[in-house]
Amino acid sequence: MGRIGVLTVAYREETFIKNCISQFKGRGYRHLVLICDSPWHGQREEIDKTPDICDEMGVEYVVSDWNTEAEMRNYGVSQLKDCDWILIVDADERYEQSSLDKLESFLGTAELSAYGIQTLYTYWKATNLVVDPKETGGLIVAVRPRVVFTDKRCIDSKWGFLHHEIVLHHFSYVRTDEQMKRKLETFEHYDEIVPNWYEEVWLKWTPDMINLHPTNPPSFHAVIRKELPGNVYV
């Protein structure tokens, strides 16, 4: 299998970054965090404590400006050329340790240049609520260093799915109202968000509401209850 790297891109992620880093401790991975010091959209804000937390946790990080998320990821991949595989893990994404064990085993015999996640739980507002049905779009989570990103988590290479027993937990929507508003206002594809989504869906959400996704409503059909595994920390 060789050496594994982890690439995390972040903008004001002090809430999530510590546990993102912690999930890989003791595995010998090389973890690089790229911290964008200006948003994709909207007004520039002072950098939060994300760099300080990276220092505290002893991981490499770079603070800079990138024009797009794809450019940012490609820069990170270029810095991890000494790795055989690079895990693409955003600050709000978590694996169970058993899934990381299975992921290491899978990559040890993998033949393609990239793989997407097959089992993805996306949490909504709290850690006991998940989007239903599970997302199945194949979010790219593991790449060889030769892979090039063309847009966010899209790549230029043929890819396949990881085994369904490898589970990823995504906490992008486990945020306060203020945090979600900031996330939406700085989103690279701000102009694709459904008009008034924050006011009409996020703030007014009730358990019986359907079609919740901010850019493609039907892809988040509904929200159901599901308990978070005890060894996964937001």
Protein backbone atom coordinates (compact mmCIF):
# COMPACT_ATOMS: atom_id res chain seq x y z
CA MET A 1 0.00 0.00 0.00
CA GLY A 2 2.84 2.43 0.74
CA ARG A 3 2.54 5.79 2.41
CA ILE A 4 -0.83 7.49 2.92
CA GLY A 5 -1.32 11.24 2.97
CA VAL A 6 -4.34 13.22 4.08
CA LEU A 7 -5.33 16.48 2.41
CA THR A 8 -7.75 18.83 4.17
CA VAL A 9 -8.84 22.18 2.77
CA ALA A 10 -10.30 24.66 5.23
CA TYR A 11 -11.72 28.12 5.63
CA ARG A 12 -12.57 29.16 9.20
CA GLU A 13 -12.95 25.56 10.45
CA GLU A 14 -11.84 25.95 14.07
CA THR A 15 -14.96 24.08 15.22
CA PHE A 16 -14.14 20.91 13.27
CA ILE A 17 -10.42 20.80 12.52
CA LYS A 18 -9.13 19.32 15.80
CA ASN A 19 -11.20 16.14 15.61
CA CYS A 20 -10.57 15.91 11.88
CA ILE A 21 -6.86 15.66 12.65
CA SER A 22 -7.37 13.43 15.70
CA GLN A 23 -9.10 10.66 13.74
CA PHE A 24 -5.80 9.85 11.96
CA LYS A 25 -3.46 10.06 14.94
CA GLY A 26 -1.25 7.03 15.43
CA ARG A 27 -1.59 5.81 11.86
CA GLY A 28 1.58 7.34 10.45
CA TYR A 29 -0.21 9.32 7.77
CA ARG A 30 1.20 12.59 6.50
CA HIS A 31 -1.55 15.18 7.06
CA LEU A 32 -1.49 18.51 5.21
CA VAL A 33 -4.07 21.21 5.96
CA LEU A 34 -4.52 24.03 3.46
CA ILE A 35 -6.07 27.12 5.03
CA CYS A 36 -7.57 29.69 2.69
CA ASP A 37 -7.26 33.17 4.18
CA SER A 38 -10.04 34.62 2.02
CA PRO A 39 -13.47 33.21 1.13
CA TRP A 40 -14.58 32.04 -2.30
CA HIS A 41 -17.34 34.62 -2.11
CA GLY A 42 -18.17 37.59 0.08
CA GLN A 43 -16.11 39.74 2.40
CA ARG A 44 -12.70 38.74 3.71
CA GLU A 45 -12.63 37.98 7.45
CA GLU A 46 -9.84 37.62 9.96
CA ILE A 47 -8.39 34.12 10.09
CA ASP A 48 -9.80 32.11 12.98
CA LYS A 49 -7.93 29.63 15.21
CA THR A 50 -7.56 26.92 12.56
CA PRO A 51 -3.77 27.52 12.14
CA ASP A 52 -3.26 27.56 15.92
CA ILE A 53 -5.04 24.23 16.27
CA CYS A 54 -2.92 22.72 13.49
CA ASP A 55 0.18 23.88 15.39
CA GLU A 56 -1.17 22.37 18.59
CA MET A 57 -1.93 19.06 16.84
CA GLY A 58 1.46 18.94 15.12
CA VAL A 59 0.34 18.75 11.48
CA GLU A 60 1.65 20.58 8.44
CA TYR A 61 -0.38 23.51 7.16
CA VAL A 62 -0.18 26.26 4.57
CA VAL A 63 -2.07 29.54 4.71
CA SER A 64 -2.58 31.21 1.34
CA ASP A 65 -5.07 32.31 -1.33
CA TRP A 66 -6.34 30.06 -4.10
CA ASN A 67 -8.71 31.07 -6.89
CA THR A 68 -10.86 27.92 -6.74
CA GLU A 69 -11.31 24.86 -4.55
CA ALA A 70 -9.99 22.67 -7.38
CA GLU A 71 -6.82 24.78 -7.60
CA MET A 72 -6.43 24.46 -3.83
CA ARG A 73 -6.76 20.67 -3.89
CA ASN A 74 -4.35 20.35 -6.83
CA TYR A 75 -1.79 22.38 -4.92
CA GLY A 76 -2.20 20.05 -1.95
CA VAL A 77 -1.83 16.95 -4.12
CA SER A 78 1.37 18.42 -5.58
CA GLN A 79 2.76 18.79 -2.04
CA LEU A 80 1.99 15.15 -1.22
CA LYS A 81 3.75 13.55 -4.19
CA ASP A 82 5.77 11.39 -1.80
CA CYS A 83 2.57 9.54 -0.83
CA ASP A 84 1.18 6.52 -2.67
CA TRP A 85 -2.40 7.45 -1.80
CA ILE A 86 -3.95 10.75 -0.68
CA LEU A 87 -7.16 10.79 1.35
CA ILE A 88 -9.32 13.83 0.60
CA VAL A 89 -10.91 14.66 3.93
CA ASP A 90 -12.65 17.95 4.65
CA ALA A 91 -12.62 19.35 8.18
CA ASP A 92 -16.20 18.20 8.81
CA GLU A 93 -15.73 14.60 7.61
CA ARG A 94 -15.09 11.63 9.90
CA TYR A 95 -14.27 7.94 9.58
CA GLU A 96 -14.73 5.26 12.21
CA GLN A 97 -11.42 3.58 13.04
CA SER A 98 -12.75 0.28 11.70
CA SER A 99 -13.49 2.01 8.39
CA LEU A 100 -9.93 3.34 8.22
CA ASP A 101 -8.66 -0.21 8.78
CA LYS A 102 -10.83 -1.42 5.89
CA LEU A 103 -9.77 1.55 3.75
CA GLU A 104 -6.08 0.77 4.25
CA SER A 105 -6.71 -2.85 3.28
CA PHE A 106 -8.72 -1.84 0.22
CA LEU A 107 -6.08 0.59 -1.07
CA GLY A 108 -3.41 -2.06 -0.64
CA THR A 109 -4.77 -3.91 -3.68
CA ALA A 110 -6.58 -1.07 -5.49
CA GLU A 111 -6.07 -0.84 -9.25
CA LEU A 112 -7.68 2.48 -10.20
CA SER A 113 -6.30 5.98 -9.63
CA ALA A 114 -9.18 7.24 -7.49
CA TYR A 115 -12.14 6.08 -5.43
CA GLY A 116 -15.39 7.55 -4.20
CA ILE A 117 -17.28 6.78 -1.01
CA GLN A 118 -20.24 4.44 -1.33
CA THR A 119 -21.68 4.75 2.18
CA LEU A 120 -22.03 8.37 3.28
CA TYR A 121 -24.12 9.63 6.18
CA THR A 122 -24.80 13.36 6.05
CA TYR A 123 -25.94 14.80 9.38
CA TRP A 124 -28.51 17.56 9.61
CA LYS A 125 -28.37 20.14 12.43
CA ALA A 126 -27.53 17.50 15.07
CA THR A 127 -25.59 14.24 15.36
CA ASN A 128 -28.75 12.13 15.71
CA LEU A 129 -30.36 13.31 12.46
CA VAL A 130 -29.26 12.19 8.98
CA VAL A 131 -30.34 12.89 5.44
CA ASP A 132 -32.44 10.12 3.89
CA PRO A 133 -31.74 8.41 1.57
CA LYS A 134 -27.98 8.24 2.04
CA GLU A 135 -25.95 10.17 -0.50
CA THR A 136 -24.67 7.92 -3.29
CA GLY A 137 -22.94 10.33 -5.68
CA GLY A 138 -19.50 8.91 -5.08
CA LEU A 139 -17.74 11.75 -3.32
CA ILE A 140 -14.06 11.34 -4.24
CA VAL A 141 -12.11 10.46 -1.09
CA ALA A 142 -8.91 8.70 -2.21
CA VAL A 143 -6.60 9.58 -5.11
CA ARG A 144 -3.19 8.77 -6.47
CA PRO A 145 -0.81 11.78 -6.63
CA ARG A 146 -1.16 11.94 -10.44
CA VAL A 147 -4.89 12.75 -10.26
CA VAL A 148 -6.01 16.28 -11.18
CA PHE A 149 -9.09 17.95 -9.70
CA THR A 150 -11.29 19.79 -12.19
CA ASP A 151 -13.95 21.13 -9.79
CA LYS A 152 -14.32 20.72 -6.03
CA ARG A 153 -14.35 16.88 -5.64
CA CYS A 154 -14.46 16.15 -9.41
CA ILE A 155 -11.38 14.67 -11.13
CA ASP A 156 -9.95 13.96 -14.57
CA SER A 157 -9.41 10.22 -14.00
CA LYS A 158 -11.41 7.03 -14.08
CA TRP A 159 -12.56 6.12 -10.59
CA GLY A 160 -14.45 3.42 -8.75
CA PHE A 161 -16.30 2.93 -5.46
CA LEU A 162 -14.82 1.90 -2.15
CA HIS A 163 -16.36 -1.12 -0.42
CA HIS A 164 -19.74 -0.30 1.13
CA GLU A 165 -18.47 -1.23 4.61
CA ILE A 166 -16.16 1.82 4.54
CA VAL A 167 -18.36 4.51 6.08
CA LEU A 168 -17.91 8.29 6.03
CA HIS A 169 -19.79 10.64 8.36
CA HIS A 170 -20.31 14.17 7.05
CA PHE A 171 -21.13 17.01 9.45
CA SER A 172 -21.34 19.91 7.01
CA TYR A 173 -24.86 20.75 8.20
CA VAL A 174 -24.20 20.30 11.92
CA ARG A 175 -23.76 24.03 12.47
CA THR A 176 -25.36 26.87 14.34
CA ASP A 177 -27.55 29.27 12.39
CA GLU A 178 -24.74 31.81 12.35
CA GLN A 179 -22.19 29.25 11.14
CA MET A 180 -24.50 28.05 8.38
CA LYS A 181 -25.22 31.58 7.22
CA ARG A 182 -21.48 32.29 7.00
CA LYS A 183 -20.86 29.03 5.14
CA LEU A 184 -23.52 29.85 2.57
CA GLU A 185 -22.29 33.40 2.09
CA THR A 186 -18.71 32.26 1.41
CA PHE A 187 -19.55 29.18 -0.69
CA GLU A 188 -17.70 29.01 -4.02
CA HIS A 189 -20.94 28.28 -5.87
CA TYR A 190 -22.94 30.88 -3.97
CA ASP A 191 -24.97 31.71 -7.08
CA GLU A 192 -26.30 28.12 -7.28
CA ILE A 193 -28.04 28.23 -3.88
CA VAL A 194 -31.83 28.14 -4.02
CA PRO A 195 -33.14 31.68 -3.39
CA ASN A 196 -34.05 32.25 0.28
CA TRP A 197 -32.95 28.71 1.19
CA TYR A 198 -31.48 29.85 4.50
CA GLU A 199 -34.64 31.70 5.57
CA GLU A 200 -37.24 29.28 4.17
CA VAL A 201 -35.58 25.89 4.68
CA TRP A 202 -32.78 26.13 7.22
CA LEU A 203 -34.43 28.46 9.74
CA LYS A 204 -37.97 27.06 9.30
CA TRP A 205 -37.04 23.38 9.13
CA THR A 206 -39.38 20.88 10.79
CA PRO A 207 -39.09 17.06 10.73
CA ASP A 208 -41.88 16.71 8.17
CA MET A 209 -40.20 18.91 5.55
CA ILE A 210 -38.79 17.37 2.35
CA ASN A 211 -36.43 18.42 -0.47
CA LEU A 212 -33.87 20.18 1.68
CA HIS A 213 -30.61 20.48 -0.27
CA PRO A 214 -29.48 24.10 -0.81
CA THR A 215 -28.62 23.70 -4.51
CA ASN A 216 -30.42 20.52 -5.58
CA PRO A 217 -33.43 20.16 -3.21
CA PRO A 218 -34.55 16.59 -4.11
CA SER A 219 -31.10 15.14 -3.31
CA PHE A 220 -31.87 15.69 0.40
CA HIS A 221 -35.35 14.20 0.36
CA ALA A 222 -35.94 14.05 4.11
CA VAL A 223 -34.29 13.77 7.53
CA ILE A 224 -34.55 10.75 9.81
CA ARG A 225 -33.16 9.83 13.22
CA LYS A 226 -29.93 7.84 13.44
CA GLU A 227 -27.54 7.67 16.36
CA LEU A 228 -23.91 8.55 15.73
CA PRO A 229 -21.42 5.74 16.59
CA GLY A 230 -19.81 6.38 19.94
CA ASN A 231 -16.25 6.46 18.56
CA VAL A 232 -16.90 9.27 16.06
CA TYR A 233 -16.47 12.83 17.34
CA VAL A 234 -17.71 15.98 15.65
